Amino acid sequence: MVSRDRVSRDRVIDDDCRSAADVRSRSRAVLARRRELFSPPERCDPRPEPPLPAIPDPRGVPAIDALMNEVCAAIGIAPQAMLQNVDDPAATLALMTVLGLCVRRLGMVRKDVRALFGVVEGTMNTALTVVDRAWHAHSFTRFTDVSAIAEAVRAEWSGGRAFRSCPITSILDAVAAVTGVSRIDMVSERRTKTIVQSRHIAMALARCLTVHSLPDIGRRFGSRDHATVLHAVNKLRPAIEALERMEGGMDVPLDALVRRICELVQRATDV
């Protein structure tokens, strides 16, 4: 015969199990209800992605479009080629002329011109320097014929530095051919003495012979900052000045120019 105490104890255990099961089932029900209430609804038709910002088109401004056509006709290049091929000397000359005349002839704000053409501050400064020299040397006004201004800017450009629009890739190839350091090493993180010296020579020449700014040159040399390029330019400044005093100056073929500056740097290192 089963004692009364055991029966009551079994009943308590059954009640506890039943209450625990109820608690678990209630908890599951509450969690499911919360998921229904607070989970974000599924989108049947997701929102379309926002459109990309429009690329600035200077040809959309009638005054600039007319100015570009006149400058490109005087220099002998298509306006579209001027906007796309910045490594071509004629395209670079046309772009510099248009940038400078947008400020001097059309009276536009420098920041607006930069945003419209997508150029950096260094390129804008170079354009204004060249155009201002020709502008003041010939006493031009806003009513002067654009073709005459373009010819004066061309003379000022070629009379300054013949390789002013030389591509950085050509400079890297010329330095690599003379020094024996490959282009990959010059733009890499390696810091041996020979590689650093070749890299500094290429950076200094890129600053002297192109219209690129210091940050842009640094990006072409393995994403380096402008301070690295400025250090290379300051370090090579005595060699560049000595090179400009030599016969022919900077108006010699690029490989001869690189050979001369390498000799000057090596001579200064041996002293």
C-alpha atoms as a PDB file:
ATOM      1  CA  MET A   1       0.000   0.000   0.000  1.00  0.00           C
ATOM      2  CA  VAL A   2       1.353   3.428  -1.054  1.00  0.00           C
ATOM      3  CA  SER A   3       1.799   5.853   1.772  1.00  0.00           C
ATOM      4  CA  ARG A   4       0.005   9.212   1.779  1.00  0.00           C
ATOM      5  CA  ASP A   5       3.248  11.146   1.909  1.00  0.00           C
ATOM      6  CA  ARG A   6       4.524   9.550  -1.284  1.00  0.00           C
ATOM      7  CA  VAL A   7       1.281  10.291  -3.143  1.00  0.00           C
ATOM      8  CA  SER A   8       1.374  13.929  -2.130  1.00  0.00           C
ATOM      9  CA  ARG A   9       5.051  14.171  -3.072  1.00  0.00           C
ATOM     10  CA  ASP A  10       4.369  12.711  -6.543  1.00  0.00           C
ATOM     11  CA  ARG A  11       1.492  15.158  -6.990  1.00  0.00           C
ATOM     12  CA  VAL A  12       3.729  18.114  -6.139  1.00  0.00           C
ATOM     13  CA  ILE A  13       6.343  16.910  -8.638  1.00  0.00           C
ATOM     14  CA  ASP A  14       3.689  16.577 -11.365  1.00  0.00           C
ATOM     15  CA  ASP A  15       2.390  20.071 -10.615  1.00  0.00           C
ATOM     16  CA  ASP A  16       5.919  21.492 -10.783  1.00  0.00           C
ATOM     17  CA  CYS A  17       6.610  19.828 -14.142  1.00  0.00           C
ATOM     18  CA  ARG A  18       3.304  21.046 -15.494  1.00  0.00           C
ATOM     19  CA  SER A  19       3.951  24.617 -14.338  1.00  0.00           C
ATOM     20  CA  ALA A  20       7.492  24.578 -15.793  1.00  0.00           C
ATOM     21  CA  ALA A  21       6.165  23.419 -19.151  1.00  0.00           C
ATOM     22  CA  ASP A  22       3.562  26.155 -19.068  1.00  0.00           C
ATOM     23  CA  VAL A  23       6.233  28.751 -18.337  1.00  0.00           C
ATOM     24  CA  ARG A  24       8.377  27.552 -21.235  1.00  0.00           C
ATOM     25  CA  SER A  25       5.470  27.523 -23.648  1.00  0.00           C
ATOM     26  CA  ARG A  26       4.379  30.986 -22.499  1.00  0.00           C
ATOM     27  CA  SER A  27       7.929  32.270 -22.938  1.00  0.00           C
ATOM     28  CA  ARG A  28       8.094  30.916 -26.464  1.00  0.00           C
ATOM     29  CA  ALA A  29       4.756  32.524 -27.274  1.00  0.00           C
ATOM     30  CA  VAL A  30       5.892  35.905 -25.899  1.00  0.00           C
ATOM     31  CA  LEU A  31       9.149  35.790 -27.899  1.00  0.00           C
ATOM     32  CA  ALA A  32       7.279  34.901 -31.067  1.00  0.00           C
ATOM     33  CA  ARG A  33       4.836  37.769 -30.486  1.00  0.00           C
ATOM     34  CA  ARG A  34       7.710  40.195 -29.923  1.00  0.00           C
ATOM     35  CA  ARG A  35       9.357  39.129 -33.142  1.00  0.00           C
ATOM     36  CA  GLU A  36       6.113  39.840 -34.990  1.00  0.00           C
ATOM     37  CA  LEU A  37       5.727  43.260 -33.392  1.00  0.00           C
ATOM     38  CA  PHE A  38       9.273  44.592 -33.464  1.00  0.00           C
ATOM     39  CA  SER A  39      10.986  42.924 -36.426  1.00  0.00           C
ATOM     40  CA  PRO A  40      11.105  45.188 -39.526  1.00  0.00           C
ATOM     41  CA  PRO A  41       8.746  44.131 -42.273  1.00  0.00           C
ATOM     42  CA  GLU A  42      10.213  42.589 -45.385  1.00  0.00           C
ATOM     43  CA  ARG A  43      10.273  44.922 -48.344  1.00  0.00           C
ATOM     44  CA  CYS A  44       8.651  43.508 -51.385  1.00  0.00           C
ATOM     45  CA  ASP A  45      10.115  46.244 -53.614  1.00  0.00           C
ATOM     46  CA  PRO A  46      13.328  47.679 -52.125  1.00  0.00           C
ATOM     47  CA  ARG A  47      14.058  51.332 -52.713  1.00  0.00           C
ATOM     48  CA  PRO A  48      16.274  52.048 -55.727  1.00  0.00           C
ATOM     49  CA  GLU A  49      19.821  53.176 -54.992  1.00  0.00           C
ATOM     50  CA  PRO A  50      20.373  56.937 -55.209  1.00  0.00           C
ATOM     51  CA  PRO A  51      21.882  58.020 -58.523  1.00  0.00           C
ATOM     52  CA  LEU A  52      25.603  58.788 -58.680  1.00  0.00           C
ATOM     53  CA  PRO A  53      26.561  62.475 -58.705  1.00  0.00           C
ATOM     54  CA  ALA A  54      26.792  63.897 -62.177  1.00  0.00           C
ATOM     55  CA  ILE A  55      30.273  64.365 -63.646  1.00  0.00           C
ATOM     56  CA  PRO A  56      30.963  68.072 -64.171  1.00  0.00           C
ATOM     57  CA  ASP A  57      30.689  69.039 -67.817  1.00  0.00           C
ATOM     58  CA  PRO A  58      32.185  72.436 -68.644  1.00  0.00           C
ATOM     59  CA  ARG A  59      30.643  72.267 -72.096  1.00  0.00           C
ATOM     60  CA  GLY A  60      27.244  72.728 -70.486  1.00  0.00           C
ATOM     61  CA  VAL A  61      28.057  76.419 -69.874  1.00  0.00           C
ATOM     62  CA  PRO A  62      27.676  78.349 -73.153  1.00  0.00           C
ATOM     63  CA  ALA A  63      30.369  80.938 -72.410  1.00  0.00           C
ATOM     64  CA  ILE A  64      32.918  78.264 -71.430  1.00  0.00           C
ATOM     65  CA  ASP A  65      31.959  76.099 -74.396  1.00  0.00           C
ATOM     66  CA  ALA A  66      32.598  78.993 -76.793  1.00  0.00           C
ATOM     67  CA  LEU A  67      35.899  79.769 -75.058  1.00  0.00           C
ATOM     68  CA  MET A  68      37.016  76.133 -75.282  1.00  0.00           C
ATOM     69  CA  ASN A  69      36.177  75.969 -78.985  1.00  0.00           C
ATOM     70  CA  GLU A  70      38.177  79.122 -79.738  1.00  0.00           C
ATOM     71  CA  VAL A  71      41.215  78.024 -77.693  1.00  0.00           C
ATOM     72  CA  CYS A  72      41.228  74.494 -79.127  1.00  0.00           C
ATOM     73  CA  ALA A  73      40.878  75.852 -82.667  1.00  0.00           C
ATOM     74  CA  ALA A  74      43.866  78.142 -82.108  1.00  0.00           C
ATOM     75  CA  ILE A  75      45.995  75.326 -80.667  1.00  0.00           C
ATOM     76  CA  GLY A  76      44.776  72.671 -83.097  1.00  0.00           C
ATOM     77  CA  ILE A  77      43.088  70.106 -80.857  1.00  0.00           C
ATOM     78  CA  ALA A  78      39.526  68.901 -80.344  1.00  0.00           C
ATOM     79  CA  PRO A  79      37.767  70.088 -77.137  1.00  0.00           C
ATOM     80  CA  GLN A  80      36.903  66.524 -76.174  1.00  0.00           C
ATOM     81  CA  ALA A  81      40.543  65.475 -76.546  1.00  0.00           C
ATOM     82  CA  MET A  82      41.557  68.378 -74.314  1.00  0.00           C
ATOM     83  CA  LEU A  83      39.279  67.145 -71.532  1.00  0.00           C
ATOM     84  CA  GLN A  84      40.244  63.474 -71.792  1.00  0.00           C
ATOM     85  CA  ASN A  85      43.954  63.309 -72.664  1.00  0.00           C
ATOM     86  CA  VAL A  86      45.820  65.340 -70.013  1.00  0.00           C
ATOM     87  CA  ASP A  87      49.155  63.701 -70.875  1.00  0.00           C
ATOM     88  CA  ASP A  88      49.196  65.137 -74.399  1.00  0.00           C
ATOM     89  CA  PRO A  89      51.264  68.379 -74.517  1.00  0.00           C
ATOM     90  CA  ALA A  90      48.750  70.129 -76.787  1.00  0.00           C
ATOM     91  CA  ALA A  91      45.841  69.040 -74.576  1.00  0.00           C
ATOM     92  CA  THR A  92      47.633  70.273 -71.469  1.00  0.00           C
ATOM     93  CA  LEU A  93      48.426  73.610 -73.103  1.00  0.00           C
ATOM     94  CA  ALA A  94      44.795  74.042 -74.163  1.00  0.00           C
ATOM     95  CA  LEU A  95      43.526  73.119 -70.695  1.00  0.00           C
ATOM     96  CA  MET A  96      45.895  75.562 -68.977  1.00  0.00           C
ATOM     97  CA  THR A  97      44.810  78.328 -71.364  1.00  0.00           C
ATOM     98  CA  VAL A  98      41.113  77.658 -70.827  1.00  0.00           C
ATOM     99  CA  LEU A  99      41.487  77.508 -67.035  1.00  0.00           C
ATOM    100  CA  GLY A 100      43.347  80.808 -66.924  1.00  0.00           C
ATOM    101  CA  LEU A 101      40.978  82.569 -69.324  1.00  0.00           C
ATOM    102  CA  CYS A 102      37.928  81.416 -67.376  1.00  0.00           C
ATOM    103  CA  VAL A 103      39.226  83.531 -64.500  1.00  0.00           C
ATOM    104  CA  ARG A 104      40.880  86.411 -66.361  1.00  0.00           C
ATOM    105  CA  ARG A 105      38.518  86.806 -69.318  1.00  0.00           C
ATOM    106  CA  LEU A 106      35.183  85.488 -68.057  1.00  0.00           C
ATOM    107  CA  GLY A 107      35.667  86.711 -64.477  1.00  0.00           C
ATOM    108  CA  MET A 108      34.757  83.387 -62.869  1.00  0.00           C
ATOM    109  CA  VAL A 109      35.746  82.394 -59.326  1.00  0.00           C
ATOM    110  CA  ARG A 110      38.724  80.060 -59.101  1.00  0.00           C
ATOM    111  CA  LYS A 111      36.867  77.562 -56.912  1.00  0.00           C
ATOM    112  CA  ASP A 112      34.009  77.330 -59.400  1.00  0.00           C
ATOM    113  CA  VAL A 113      36.435  76.758 -62.286  1.00  0.00           C
ATOM    114  CA  ARG A 114      38.218  74.016 -60.339  1.00  0.00           C
ATOM    115  CA  ALA A 115      34.928  72.272 -59.538  1.00  0.00           C
ATOM    116  CA  LEU A 116      33.699  72.571 -63.118  1.00  0.00           C
ATOM    117  CA  PHE A 117      36.845  71.085 -64.682  1.00  0.00           C
ATOM    118  CA  GLY A 118      37.710  68.728 -61.796  1.00  0.00           C
ATOM    119  CA  VAL A 119      41.308  69.971 -61.351  1.00  0.00           C
ATOM    120  CA  VAL A 120      43.359  70.437 -58.193  1.00  0.00           C
ATOM    121  CA  GLU A 121      44.639  73.715 -56.760  1.00  0.00           C
ATOM    122  CA  GLY A 122      48.179  73.180 -58.069  1.00  0.00           C
ATOM    123  CA  THR A 123      46.953  72.848 -61.663  1.00  0.00           C
ATOM    124  CA  MET A 124      44.881  75.995 -61.261  1.00  0.00           C
ATOM    125  CA  ASN A 125      47.870  77.918 -59.913  1.00  0.00           C
ATOM    126  CA  THR A 126      50.052  76.811 -62.830  1.00  0.00           C
ATOM    127  CA  ALA A 127      47.398  77.810 -65.360  1.00  0.00           C
ATOM    128  CA  LEU A 128      46.977  81.273 -63.855  1.00  0.00           C
ATOM    129  CA  THR A 129      50.758  81.777 -63.656  1.00  0.00           C
ATOM    130  CA  VAL A 130      51.287  81.028 -67.348  1.00  0.00           C
ATOM    131  CA  VAL A 131      48.252  82.996 -68.525  1.00  0.00           C
ATOM    132  CA  ASP A 132      49.109  85.979 -66.299  1.00  0.00           C
ATOM    133  CA  ARG A 133      52.634  86.161 -67.703  1.00  0.00           C
ATOM    134  CA  ALA A 134      51.336  86.292 -71.267  1.00  0.00           C
ATOM    135  CA  TRP A 135      48.470  88.582 -70.233  1.00  0.00           C
ATOM    136  CA  HIS A 136      50.703  91.241 -68.659  1.00  0.00           C
ATOM    137  CA  ALA A 137      53.533  90.922 -71.191  1.00  0.00           C
ATOM    138  CA  HIS A 138      51.192  91.813 -74.087  1.00  0.00           C
ATOM    139  CA  SER A 139      48.782  94.057 -72.114  1.00  0.00           C
ATOM    140  CA  PHE A 140      45.774  91.935 -73.039  1.00  0.00           C
ATOM    141  CA  THR A 141      42.218  92.876 -72.079  1.00  0.00           C
ATOM    142  CA  ARG A 142      38.957  90.958 -71.929  1.00  0.00           C
ATOM    143  CA  PHE A 143      38.202  92.097 -75.471  1.00  0.00           C
ATOM    144  CA  THR A 144      41.442  90.723 -76.979  1.00  0.00           C
ATOM    145  CA  ASP A 145      40.982  87.968 -79.530  1.00  0.00           C
ATOM    146  CA  VAL A 146      41.224  84.531 -77.911  1.00  0.00           C
ATOM    147  CA  SER A 147      43.463  83.171 -80.671  1.00  0.00           C
ATOM    148  CA  ALA A 148      46.034  85.900 -79.977  1.00  0.00           C
ATOM    149  CA  ILE A 149      45.985  85.084 -76.268  1.00  0.00           C
ATOM    150  CA  ALA A 150      46.361  81.367 -76.997  1.00  0.00           C
ATOM    151  CA  GLU A 151      49.386  82.027 -79.218  1.00  0.00           C
ATOM    152  CA  ALA A 152      50.982  84.195 -76.517  1.00  0.00           C
ATOM    153  CA  VAL A 153      50.359  81.510 -73.892  1.00  0.00           C
ATOM    154  CA  ARG A 154      51.875  78.904 -76.225  1.00  0.00           C
ATOM    155  CA  ALA A 155      55.012  81.045 -76.599  1.00  0.00           C
ATOM    156  CA  GLU A 156      55.188  81.601 -72.846  1.00  0.00           C
ATOM    157  CA  TRP A 157      54.710  77.893 -72.213  1.00  0.00           C
ATOM    158  CA  SER A 158      57.361  76.730 -74.683  1.00  0.00           C
ATOM    159  CA  GLY A 159      59.731  79.502 -73.626  1.00  0.00           C
ATOM    160  CA  GLY A 160      59.601  78.331 -70.027  1.00  0.00           C
ATOM    161  CA  ARG A 161      59.945  74.556 -69.800  1.00  0.00           C
ATOM    162  CA  ALA A 162      59.608  72.441 -72.922  1.00  0.00           C
ATOM    163  CA  PHE A 163      58.678  69.304 -70.954  1.00  0.00           C
ATOM    164  CA  ARG A 164      56.177  71.021 -68.688  1.00  0.00           C
ATOM    165  CA  SER A 165      53.485  68.576 -69.791  1.00  0.00           C
ATOM    166  CA  CYS A 166      55.671  65.461 -69.771  1.00  0.00           C
ATOM    167  CA  PRO A 167      53.760  62.434 -68.378  1.00  0.00           C
ATOM    168  CA  ILE A 168      54.934  61.060 -65.034  1.00  0.00           C
ATOM    169  CA  THR A 169      55.108  57.591 -66.570  1.00  0.00           C
ATOM    170  CA  SER A 170      57.703  58.858 -69.066  1.00  0.00           C
ATOM    171  CA  ILE A 171      59.737  60.352 -66.227  1.00  0.00           C
ATOM    172  CA  LEU A 172      59.626  57.056 -64.331  1.00  0.00           C
ATOM    173  CA  ASP A 173      60.729  55.152 -67.439  1.00  0.00           C
ATOM    174  CA  ALA A 174      63.607  57.570 -68.082  1.00  0.00           C
ATOM    175  CA  VAL A 175      64.829  57.406 -64.468  1.00  0.00           C
ATOM    176  CA  ALA A 176      64.534  53.605 -64.499  1.00  0.00           C
ATOM    177  CA  ALA A 177      66.583  53.397 -67.724  1.00  0.00           C
ATOM    178  CA  VAL A 178      69.382  55.580 -66.316  1.00  0.00           C
ATOM    179  CA  THR A 179      69.548  54.343 -62.719  1.00  0.00           C
ATOM    180  CA  GLY A 180      68.587  50.698 -63.229  1.00  0.00           C
ATOM    181  CA  VAL A 181      65.824  50.910 -60.597  1.00  0.00           C
ATOM    182  CA  SER A 182      62.522  49.627 -61.920  1.00  0.00           C
ATOM    183  CA  ARG A 183      59.279  51.599 -61.850  1.00  0.00           C
ATOM    184  CA  ILE A 184      57.779  49.022 -59.484  1.00  0.00           C
ATOM    185  CA  ASP A 185      60.565  49.630 -56.960  1.00  0.00           C
ATOM    186  CA  MET A 186      60.205  53.410 -57.189  1.00  0.00           C
ATOM    187  CA  VAL A 187      56.501  53.297 -56.310  1.00  0.00           C
ATOM    188  CA  SER A 188      56.906  50.522 -53.714  1.00  0.00           C
ATOM    189  CA  GLU A 189      57.551  50.756 -49.977  1.00  0.00           C
ATOM    190  CA  ARG A 190      61.203  49.697 -50.291  1.00  0.00           C
ATOM    191  CA  ARG A 191      63.678  52.170 -48.816  1.00  0.00           C
ATOM    192  CA  THR A 192      67.152  51.109 -49.876  1.00  0.00           C
ATOM    193  CA  LYS A 193      69.541  53.947 -50.685  1.00  0.00           C
ATOM    194  CA  THR A 194      69.519  53.438 -54.456  1.00  0.00           C
ATOM    195  CA  ILE A 195      65.716  53.169 -54.650  1.00  0.00           C
ATOM    196  CA  VAL A 196      65.125  56.218 -52.442  1.00  0.00           C
ATOM    197  CA  GLN A 197      67.574  58.291 -54.493  1.00  0.00           C
ATOM    198  CA  SER A 198      65.918  57.291 -57.774  1.00  0.00           C
ATOM    199  CA  ARG A 199      62.480  57.942 -56.295  1.00  0.00           C
ATOM    200  CA  HIS A 200      63.519  61.433 -55.160  1.00  0.00           C
ATOM    201  CA  ILE A 201      64.913  62.243 -58.611  1.00  0.00           C
ATOM    202  CA  ALA A 202      61.679  61.129 -60.280  1.00  0.00           C
ATOM    203  CA  MET A 203      59.553  63.113 -57.805  1.00  0.00           C
ATOM    204  CA  ALA A 204      61.599  66.289 -58.279  1.00  0.00           C
ATOM    205  CA  LEU A 205      61.433  66.000 -62.066  1.00  0.00           C
ATOM    206  CA  ALA A 206      57.697  65.308 -61.896  1.00  0.00           C
ATOM    207  CA  ARG A 207      57.272  68.537 -59.966  1.00  0.00           C
ATOM    208  CA  CYS A 208      59.414  70.498 -62.449  1.00  0.00           C
ATOM    209  CA  LEU A 209      58.146  69.000 -65.684  1.00  0.00           C
ATOM    210  CA  THR A 210      54.423  68.426 -65.085  1.00  0.00           C
ATOM    211  CA  VAL A 211      51.404  70.408 -63.969  1.00  0.00           C
ATOM    212  CA  HIS A 212      50.542  67.929 -61.200  1.00  0.00           C
ATOM    213  CA  SER A 213      50.324  69.147 -57.614  1.00  0.00           C
ATOM    214  CA  LEU A 214      52.339  67.703 -54.719  1.00  0.00           C
ATOM    215  CA  PRO A 215      49.465  65.472 -53.463  1.00  0.00           C
ATOM    216  CA  ASP A 216      48.801  64.216 -56.996  1.00  0.00           C
ATOM    217  CA  ILE A 217      52.471  63.348 -57.513  1.00  0.00           C
ATOM    218  CA  GLY A 218      52.511  61.553 -54.154  1.00  0.00           C
ATOM    219  CA  ARG A 219      49.538  59.436 -55.203  1.00  0.00           C
ATOM    220  CA  ARG A 220      51.391  58.432 -58.386  1.00  0.00           C
ATOM    221  CA  PHE A 221      54.327  57.229 -56.262  1.00  0.00           C
ATOM    222  CA  GLY A 222      52.592  54.607 -54.159  1.00  0.00           C
ATOM    223  CA  SER A 223      49.995  56.781 -52.367  1.00  0.00           C
ATOM    224  CA  ARG A 224      52.569  58.922 -50.567  1.00  0.00           C
ATOM    225  CA  ASP A 225      51.611  62.247 -49.029  1.00  0.00           C
ATOM    226  CA  HIS A 226      52.618  65.685 -50.250  1.00  0.00           C
ATOM    227  CA  ALA A 227      55.236  66.100 -47.493  1.00  0.00           C
ATOM    228  CA  THR A 228      57.287  63.249 -48.973  1.00  0.00           C
ATOM    229  CA  VAL A 229      57.249  64.887 -52.398  1.00  0.00           C
ATOM    230  CA  LEU A 230      58.128  68.270 -50.892  1.00  0.00           C
ATOM    231  CA  HIS A 231      61.087  66.696 -49.086  1.00  0.00           C
ATOM    232  CA  ALA A 232      62.337  65.215 -52.367  1.00  0.00           C
ATOM    233  CA  VAL A 233      61.938  68.555 -54.174  1.00  0.00           C
ATOM    234  CA  ASN A 234      63.815  70.459 -51.467  1.00  0.00           C
ATOM    235  CA  LYS A 235      66.560  67.835 -51.369  1.00  0.00           C
ATOM    236  CA  LEU A 236      67.043  67.982 -55.158  1.00  0.00           C
ATOM    237  CA  ARG A 237      66.675  71.769 -55.407  1.00  0.00           C
ATOM    238  CA  PRO A 238      70.479  72.462 -55.644  1.00  0.00           C
ATOM    239  CA  ALA A 239      70.806  69.888 -58.429  1.00  0.00           C
ATOM    240  CA  ILE A 240      67.809  71.339 -60.298  1.00  0.00           C
ATOM    241  CA  GLU A 241      69.224  74.870 -60.014  1.00  0.00           C
ATOM    242  CA  ALA A 242      72.640  73.675 -61.229  1.00  0.00           C
ATOM    243  CA  LEU A 243      70.918  71.875 -64.092  1.00  0.00           C
ATOM    244  CA  GLU A 244      69.084  75.042 -65.173  1.00  0.00           C
ATOM    245  CA  ARG A 245      72.421  76.921 -65.317  1.00  0.00           C
ATOM    246  CA  MET A 246      73.947  74.315 -67.634  1.00  0.00           C
ATOM    247  CA  GLU A 247      73.903  74.667 -71.412  1.00  0.00           C
ATOM    248  CA  GLY A 248      70.441  73.899 -72.679  1.00  0.00           C
ATOM    249  CA  GLY A 249      68.976  73.939 -69.181  1.00  0.00           C
ATOM    250  CA  MET A 250      65.743  71.975 -69.065  1.00  0.00           C
ATOM    251  CA  ASP A 251      65.262  72.113 -72.851  1.00  0.00           C
ATOM    252  CA  VAL A 252      67.118  68.879 -73.578  1.00  0.00           C
ATOM    253  CA  PRO A 253      65.757  65.380 -74.278  1.00  0.00           C
ATOM    254  CA  LEU A 254      64.317  63.699 -71.228  1.00  0.00           C
ATOM    255  CA  ASP A 255      66.875  60.889 -71.037  1.00  0.00           C
ATOM    256  CA  ALA A 256      69.737  63.419 -71.261  1.00  0.00           C
ATOM    257  CA  LEU A 257      68.029  65.510 -68.588  1.00  0.00           C
ATOM    258  CA  VAL A 258      67.760  62.527 -66.237  1.00  0.00           C
ATOM    259  CA  ARG A 259      71.374  61.550 -66.941  1.00  0.00           C
ATOM    260  CA  ARG A 260      72.560  65.065 -66.073  1.00  0.00           C
ATOM    261  CA  ILE A 261      70.659  65.289 -62.806  1.00  0.00           C
ATOM    262  CA  CYS A 262      71.806  61.797 -61.783  1.00  0.00           C
ATOM    263  CA  GLU A 263      75.410  62.864 -62.347  1.00  0.00           C
ATOM    264  CA  LEU A 264      74.871  66.015 -60.285  1.00  0.00           C
ATOM    265  CA  VAL A 265      73.292  64.035 -57.443  1.00  0.00           C
ATOM    266  CA  GLN A 266      76.061  61.442 -57.509  1.00  0.00           C
ATOM    267  CA  ARG A 267      78.702  64.192 -57.481  1.00  0.00           C
ATOM    268  CA  ALA A 268      77.062  65.842 -54.486  1.00  0.00           C
ATOM    269  CA  THR A 269      76.871  62.485 -52.679  1.00  0.00           C
ATOM    270  CA  ASP A 270      80.560  61.725 -53.252  1.00  0.00           C
ATOM    271  CA  VAL A 271      81.660  65.071 -51.819  1.00  0.00           C
END
